[in-house]
């Protein structure tokens, strides 16, 4: 995994995500995260329960997803678990930034955040 910039996470999200620290990729992301008060989250950063449009630069596919806790995941509803590869990759990334992320099929993909449709920084 490779970030141009460290991810930004609200204190609220950080404390709720801490219970999922057994997930190695998420734990690694949280170790280097910039943790801020919810009202200090920049308006263009992907937070938990945010709806985001991103492009998989490897395939050209553009998708809209909401990053949610595992219990709320619903593939048909576009709700992706933060523990899913794409969910972990997008958390804390700002619009216009991309991340190189290893996928379960052995490939590394570049995901570019195109737009934050809805941000739920303090939910």
N, C-alpha and C. Protein backbone atom coordinates (compact mmCIF):
# COMPACT_ATOMS: atom_id res chain seq x y z
N UNK A 1 0.83 -1.17 0.00
CA UNK A 1 0.00 0.00 0.00
C UNK A 1 0.88 1.23 0.00
N UNK A 2 0.41 2.24 -0.69
CA UNK A 2 1.23 3.42 -0.85
C UNK A 2 0.36 4.66 -0.91
N UNK A 3 0.54 5.53 0.07
CA UNK A 3 -0.18 6.79 0.10
C UNK A 3 0.76 7.91 -0.28
N UNK A 4 0.26 8.85 -1.05
CA UNK A 4 0.99 10.08 -1.31
C UNK A 4 1.04 10.90 -0.02
N UNK A 5 -0.06 10.86 0.72
CA UNK A 5 -0.25 11.64 1.94
C UNK A 5 -0.78 10.71 3.02
N UNK A 6 -0.50 11.01 4.30
CA UNK A 6 -1.09 10.18 5.35
C UNK A 6 -2.62 10.35 5.34
N UNK A 7 -3.33 9.31 5.75
CA UNK A 7 -4.78 9.42 5.78
C UNK A 7 -5.20 10.24 6.99
N UNK A 8 -6.39 10.82 6.92
CA UNK A 8 -6.95 11.61 8.01
C UNK A 8 -8.21 10.91 8.50
N UNK A 9 -8.31 10.75 9.82
CA UNK A 9 -9.44 10.04 10.43
C UNK A 9 -9.92 10.86 11.62
N UNK A 10 -11.23 10.93 11.79
CA UNK A 10 -11.77 11.65 12.95
C UNK A 10 -11.54 10.83 14.22
N UNK A 11 -11.50 11.51 15.36
CA UNK A 11 -11.34 10.83 16.64
C UNK A 11 -12.45 9.80 16.83
N UNK A 12 -13.67 10.16 16.44
CA UNK A 12 -14.82 9.25 16.60
C UNK A 12 -14.63 7.99 15.78
N UNK A 13 -14.28 8.15 14.50
CA UNK A 13 -14.05 6.99 13.64
C UNK A 13 -12.88 6.16 14.17
N UNK A 14 -11.80 6.83 14.59
CA UNK A 14 -10.63 6.13 15.08
C UNK A 14 -10.99 5.23 16.27
N UNK A 15 -11.76 5.76 17.22
CA UNK A 15 -12.10 4.96 18.40
C UNK A 15 -13.03 3.80 18.03
N UNK A 16 -13.96 4.02 17.10
CA UNK A 16 -14.85 2.92 16.69
C UNK A 16 -14.12 1.89 15.84
N UNK A 17 -13.15 2.33 15.05
CA UNK A 17 -12.38 1.40 14.21
C UNK A 17 -11.35 0.62 15.02
N UNK A 18 -11.00 1.13 16.18
CA UNK A 18 -10.00 0.46 17.01
C UNK A 18 -10.41 -0.97 17.35
N UNK A 19 -11.70 -1.24 17.48
CA UNK A 19 -12.17 -2.60 17.80
C UNK A 19 -11.92 -3.57 16.64
N UNK A 20 -11.65 -3.03 15.45
CA UNK A 20 -11.38 -3.87 14.28
C UNK A 20 -9.89 -4.00 14.00
N UNK A 21 -9.06 -3.65 14.97
CA UNK A 21 -7.61 -3.62 14.76
C UNK A 21 -7.00 -4.98 14.45
N UNK A 22 -7.77 -6.06 14.59
CA UNK A 22 -7.27 -7.38 14.23
C UNK A 22 -7.10 -7.54 12.73
N UNK A 23 -7.67 -6.66 11.95
CA UNK A 23 -7.53 -6.65 10.50
C UNK A 23 -6.22 -5.93 10.17
N UNK A 24 -5.23 -6.66 9.68
CA UNK A 24 -3.87 -6.15 9.52
C UNK A 24 -3.78 -4.89 8.67
N UNK A 25 -4.45 -4.86 7.51
CA UNK A 25 -4.33 -3.68 6.64
C UNK A 25 -4.94 -2.45 7.29
N UNK A 26 -6.10 -2.62 7.94
CA UNK A 26 -6.73 -1.49 8.60
C UNK A 26 -5.86 -1.01 9.76
N UNK A 27 -5.32 -1.93 10.54
CA UNK A 27 -4.46 -1.56 11.67
C UNK A 27 -3.25 -0.77 11.18
N UNK A 28 -2.65 -1.19 10.08
CA UNK A 28 -1.49 -0.48 9.53
C UNK A 28 -1.86 0.93 9.11
N UNK A 29 -3.03 1.10 8.52
CA UNK A 29 -3.49 2.42 8.10
C UNK A 29 -3.71 3.32 9.31
N UNK A 30 -4.32 2.77 10.36
CA UNK A 30 -4.63 3.56 11.54
C UNK A 30 -3.37 3.96 12.31
N UNK A 31 -2.33 3.15 12.23
CA UNK A 31 -1.08 3.47 12.92
C UNK A 31 -0.45 4.76 12.43
N UNK A 32 -0.60 5.06 11.15
CA UNK A 32 0.03 6.26 10.58
C UNK A 32 -0.97 7.38 10.32
N UNK A 33 -2.23 7.18 10.69
CA UNK A 33 -3.27 8.17 10.41
C UNK A 33 -3.08 9.44 11.22
N UNK A 34 -3.49 10.54 10.62
CA UNK A 34 -3.61 11.80 11.33
C UNK A 34 -5.01 11.79 11.93
N UNK A 35 -5.09 11.83 13.26
CA UNK A 35 -6.38 11.76 13.95
C UNK A 35 -6.75 13.16 14.42
N UNK A 36 -7.95 13.62 14.01
CA UNK A 36 -8.38 14.98 14.32
C UNK A 36 -9.80 14.96 14.90
N UNK A 37 -10.17 16.06 15.55
CA UNK A 37 -11.54 16.21 16.04
C UNK A 37 -12.47 16.19 14.84
N UNK A 38 -13.68 15.63 15.01
CA UNK A 38 -14.60 15.50 13.86
C UNK A 38 -14.83 16.81 13.09
N UNK A 39 -14.93 17.92 13.79
CA UNK A 39 -15.19 19.20 13.09
C UNK A 39 -13.95 19.71 12.34
N UNK A 40 -12.81 19.06 12.52
CA UNK A 40 -11.58 19.47 11.83
C UNK A 40 -11.28 18.59 10.61
N UNK A 41 -12.16 17.62 10.32
CA UNK A 41 -11.96 16.79 9.13
C UNK A 41 -12.14 17.68 7.90
N UNK A 42 -11.18 17.69 7.00
CA UNK A 42 -11.36 18.48 5.77
C UNK A 42 -12.60 17.98 5.00
N UNK A 43 -13.30 18.88 4.33
CA UNK A 43 -14.55 18.51 3.66
C UNK A 43 -14.39 17.58 2.46
N UNK A 44 -13.14 17.30 2.06
CA UNK A 44 -12.92 16.44 0.90
C UNK A 44 -12.29 15.09 1.25
N UNK A 45 -12.35 14.70 2.53
CA UNK A 45 -11.74 13.45 2.98
C UNK A 45 -12.80 12.38 3.21
N UNK A 46 -12.52 11.17 2.75
CA UNK A 46 -13.43 10.03 2.91
C UNK A 46 -13.41 9.57 4.37
N UNK A 47 -14.58 9.60 5.01
CA UNK A 47 -14.74 9.15 6.38
C UNK A 47 -15.69 7.95 6.42
N UNK A 48 -15.83 7.35 7.57
CA UNK A 48 -16.81 6.28 7.72
C UNK A 48 -18.20 6.84 7.38
N UNK A 49 -19.00 6.03 6.71
CA UNK A 49 -20.36 6.36 6.30
C UNK A 49 -20.42 7.45 5.23
N UNK A 50 -19.29 7.74 4.60
CA UNK A 50 -19.27 8.69 3.50
C UNK A 50 -19.53 7.97 2.18
N UNK A 51 -20.15 8.68 1.26
CA UNK A 51 -20.38 8.16 -0.09
C UNK A 51 -19.33 8.78 -0.99
N UNK A 52 -18.61 7.93 -1.71
CA UNK A 52 -17.47 8.40 -2.49
C UNK A 52 -17.52 7.83 -3.91
N UNK A 53 -17.09 8.64 -4.87
CA UNK A 53 -16.94 8.18 -6.25
C UNK A 53 -15.44 8.03 -6.51
N UNK A 54 -15.05 6.85 -6.99
CA UNK A 54 -13.64 6.62 -7.27
C UNK A 54 -13.47 5.91 -8.59
N UNK A 55 -12.25 6.00 -9.11
CA UNK A 55 -11.92 5.30 -10.35
C UNK A 55 -10.81 4.31 -10.07
N UNK A 56 -11.00 3.10 -10.54
CA UNK A 56 -9.93 2.10 -10.53
C UNK A 56 -9.14 2.37 -11.80
N UNK A 57 -7.97 2.99 -11.65
CA UNK A 57 -7.17 3.39 -12.81
C UNK A 57 -6.70 2.19 -13.62
N UNK A 58 -6.67 1.00 -13.00
CA UNK A 58 -6.24 -0.20 -13.70
C UNK A 58 -7.27 -0.66 -14.73
N UNK A 59 -8.56 -0.46 -14.40
CA UNK A 59 -9.63 -0.96 -15.26
C UNK A 59 -10.44 0.16 -15.89
N UNK A 60 -10.33 1.38 -15.37
CA UNK A 60 -11.13 2.49 -15.85
C UNK A 60 -12.52 2.51 -15.25
N UNK A 61 -12.85 1.53 -14.40
CA UNK A 61 -14.18 1.45 -13.79
C UNK A 61 -14.36 2.58 -12.78
N UNK A 62 -15.51 3.24 -12.84
CA UNK A 62 -15.87 4.28 -11.88
C UNK A 62 -17.04 3.76 -11.05
N UNK A 63 -16.91 3.86 -9.74
CA UNK A 63 -17.94 3.34 -8.83
C UNK A 63 -18.25 4.35 -7.74
N UNK A 64 -19.48 4.30 -7.26
CA UNK A 64 -19.90 5.05 -6.09
C UNK A 64 -20.14 4.04 -4.98
N UNK A 65 -19.51 4.25 -3.82
CA UNK A 65 -19.70 3.36 -2.68
C UNK A 65 -19.79 4.18 -1.40
N UNK A 66 -20.43 3.57 -0.40
CA UNK A 66 -20.45 4.13 0.94
C UNK A 66 -19.59 3.23 1.81
N UNK A 67 -18.65 3.82 2.55
CA UNK A 67 -17.76 3.05 3.42
C UNK A 67 -18.45 2.88 4.77
N UNK A 68 -18.69 1.62 5.16
CA UNK A 68 -19.47 1.33 6.36
C UNK A 68 -18.76 0.31 7.25
N UNK A 69 -19.27 0.17 8.47
CA UNK A 69 -18.78 -0.87 9.36
C UNK A 69 -19.28 -2.22 8.84
N UNK A 70 -18.56 -3.29 9.16
CA UNK A 70 -18.90 -4.61 8.58
C UNK A 70 -20.37 -5.00 8.72
N UNK A 71 -20.98 -4.72 9.85
CA UNK A 71 -22.38 -5.12 10.07
C UNK A 71 -23.36 -4.43 9.13
N UNK A 72 -22.95 -3.29 8.54
CA UNK A 72 -23.84 -2.52 7.66
C UNK A 72 -23.56 -2.75 6.18
N UNK A 73 -22.60 -3.61 5.87
CA UNK A 73 -22.23 -3.85 4.47
C UNK A 73 -23.39 -4.43 3.68
N UNK A 74 -23.55 -3.96 2.45
CA UNK A 74 -24.61 -4.41 1.56
C UNK A 74 -24.14 -4.16 0.12
N UNK A 75 -23.60 -5.19 -0.49
CA UNK A 75 -23.02 -5.05 -1.83
C UNK A 75 -24.03 -4.51 -2.84
N UNK A 76 -25.28 -4.98 -2.75
CA UNK A 76 -26.30 -4.53 -3.70
C UNK A 76 -26.67 -3.06 -3.49
N UNK A 77 -26.53 -2.59 -2.25
CA UNK A 77 -26.84 -1.20 -1.93
C UNK A 77 -25.64 -0.27 -2.05
N UNK A 78 -24.51 -0.81 -2.50
CA UNK A 78 -23.31 0.01 -2.66
C UNK A 78 -22.63 0.35 -1.36
N UNK A 79 -22.91 -0.44 -0.31
CA UNK A 79 -22.29 -0.20 1.00
C UNK A 79 -21.16 -1.20 1.19
N UNK A 80 -19.93 -0.69 1.21
CA UNK A 80 -18.74 -1.52 1.26
C UNK A 80 -18.14 -1.47 2.67
N UNK A 81 -17.86 -2.63 3.23
CA UNK A 81 -17.24 -2.71 4.55
C UNK A 81 -15.87 -2.07 4.54
N UNK A 82 -15.55 -1.39 5.63
CA UNK A 82 -14.22 -0.82 5.79
C UNK A 82 -13.16 -1.91 5.81
N UNK A 83 -13.55 -3.16 6.07
CA UNK A 83 -12.61 -4.28 6.07
C UNK A 83 -12.42 -4.88 4.68
N UNK A 84 -13.28 -4.53 3.74
CA UNK A 84 -13.09 -4.97 2.36
C UNK A 84 -11.89 -4.22 1.79
N UNK A 85 -11.21 -4.81 0.86
CA UNK A 85 -9.99 -4.22 0.30
C UNK A 85 -10.21 -2.77 -0.14
N UNK A 86 -11.25 -2.53 -0.91
CA UNK A 86 -11.50 -1.18 -1.42
C UNK A 86 -11.92 -0.24 -0.28
N UNK A 87 -12.63 -0.73 0.71
CA UNK A 87 -13.05 0.10 1.84
C UNK A 87 -11.86 0.59 2.65
N UNK A 88 -10.95 -0.30 2.98
CA UNK A 88 -9.75 0.07 3.72
C UNK A 88 -8.91 1.04 2.91
N UNK A 89 -8.81 0.79 1.61
CA UNK A 89 -7.98 1.63 0.74
C UNK A 89 -8.48 3.07 0.68
N UNK A 90 -9.79 3.26 0.63
CA UNK A 90 -10.35 4.59 0.42
C UNK A 90 -10.48 5.41 1.70
N UNK A 91 -10.56 4.77 2.85
CA UNK A 91 -10.76 5.48 4.11
C UNK A 91 -9.65 6.51 4.33
N UNK A 92 -10.05 7.75 4.59
CA UNK A 92 -9.09 8.79 4.94
C UNK A 92 -8.40 9.47 3.77
N UNK A 93 -8.73 9.09 2.54
CA UNK A 93 -8.09 9.66 1.36
C UNK A 93 -8.91 10.87 0.89
N UNK A 94 -8.22 11.89 0.43
CA UNK A 94 -8.88 13.12 -0.03
C UNK A 94 -9.18 13.07 -1.51
N UNK A 95 -10.19 13.83 -1.92
CA UNK A 95 -10.56 13.96 -3.33
C UNK A 95 -9.32 14.43 -4.11
N UNK A 96 -9.11 13.80 -5.26
CA UNK A 96 -7.99 14.14 -6.11
C UNK A 96 -6.73 13.34 -5.82
N UNK A 97 -6.73 12.61 -4.72
CA UNK A 97 -5.58 11.79 -4.37
C UNK A 97 -5.83 10.34 -4.76
N UNK A 98 -4.76 9.63 -4.99
CA UNK A 98 -4.88 8.21 -5.33
C UNK A 98 -4.04 7.39 -4.38
N UNK A 99 -4.31 6.11 -4.38
CA UNK A 99 -3.59 5.17 -3.54
C UNK A 99 -3.29 3.91 -4.35
N UNK A 100 -2.12 3.37 -4.18
CA UNK A 100 -1.78 2.06 -4.75
C UNK A 100 -2.08 1.04 -3.68
N UNK A 101 -2.88 0.02 -4.03
CA UNK A 101 -3.36 -0.90 -3.01
C UNK A 101 -3.32 -2.34 -3.52
N UNK A 102 -2.78 -3.27 -2.72
CA UNK A 102 -2.76 -4.68 -3.12
C UNK A 102 -4.16 -5.30 -3.00
N UNK A 103 -4.58 -6.02 -4.02
CA UNK A 103 -5.87 -6.69 -4.02
C UNK A 103 -5.67 -8.19 -3.82
N UNK A 104 -6.71 -8.89 -3.36
CA UNK A 104 -6.60 -10.32 -3.08
C UNK A 104 -6.15 -11.16 -4.28
N UNK A 105 -6.39 -10.68 -5.50
CA UNK A 105 -6.00 -11.46 -6.69
C UNK A 105 -4.51 -11.32 -7.01
N UNK A 106 -3.76 -10.62 -6.15
CA UNK A 106 -2.32 -10.48 -6.34
C UNK A 106 -1.91 -9.24 -7.12
N UNK A 107 -2.88 -8.51 -7.64
CA UNK A 107 -2.56 -7.29 -8.39
C UNK A 107 -2.49 -6.10 -7.43
N UNK A 108 -1.85 -5.05 -7.88
CA UNK A 108 -1.87 -3.77 -7.17
C UNK A 108 -2.61 -2.80 -8.06
N UNK A 109 -3.59 -2.13 -7.49
CA UNK A 109 -4.41 -1.21 -8.27
C UNK A 109 -4.27 0.21 -7.74
N UNK A 110 -4.41 1.14 -8.65
CA UNK A 110 -4.42 2.54 -8.27
C UNK A 110 -5.88 3.00 -8.22
N UNK A 111 -6.29 3.47 -7.04
CA UNK A 111 -7.65 3.98 -6.86
C UNK A 111 -7.56 5.49 -6.70
N UNK A 112 -8.32 6.21 -7.52
CA UNK A 112 -8.33 7.67 -7.49
C UNK A 112 -9.67 8.15 -6.98
N UNK A 113 -9.67 8.96 -5.93
CA UNK A 113 -10.91 9.52 -5.39
C UNK A 113 -11.31 10.69 -6.27
N UNK A 114 -12.46 10.56 -6.94
CA UNK A 114 -12.94 11.58 -7.87
C UNK A 114 -13.83 12.62 -7.20
N UNK A 115 -14.70 12.15 -6.28
CA UNK A 115 -15.69 13.06 -5.70
C UNK A 115 -16.19 12.50 -4.38
N UNK A 116 -16.41 13.37 -3.43
CA UNK A 116 -17.06 12.99 -2.19
C UNK A 116 -18.52 13.41 -2.32
N UNK A 117 -19.40 12.44 -2.50
CA UNK A 117 -20.81 12.73 -2.71
C UNK A 117 -21.47 13.15 -1.41
N UNK A 118 -21.07 12.50 -0.32
CA UNK A 118 -21.60 12.80 1.02
C UNK A 118 -20.54 12.45 2.03
N UNK A 119 -20.28 13.37 2.95
CA UNK A 119 -19.31 13.10 4.02
C UNK A 119 -20.05 13.04 5.34
N UNK A 120 -19.75 12.01 6.10
CA UNK A 120 -20.36 11.82 7.41
C UNK A 120 -19.29 11.85 8.48
N UNK A 121 -18.60 12.95 8.59
CA UNK A 121 -17.42 13.03 9.46
C UNK A 121 -17.72 12.79 10.93
N UNK A 122 -18.88 13.15 11.38
CA UNK A 122 -19.11 13.04 12.83
C UNK A 122 -20.24 12.09 13.19
N UNK A 123 -20.64 11.21 12.27
CA UNK A 123 -21.71 10.26 12.58
C UNK A 123 -21.20 9.14 13.43
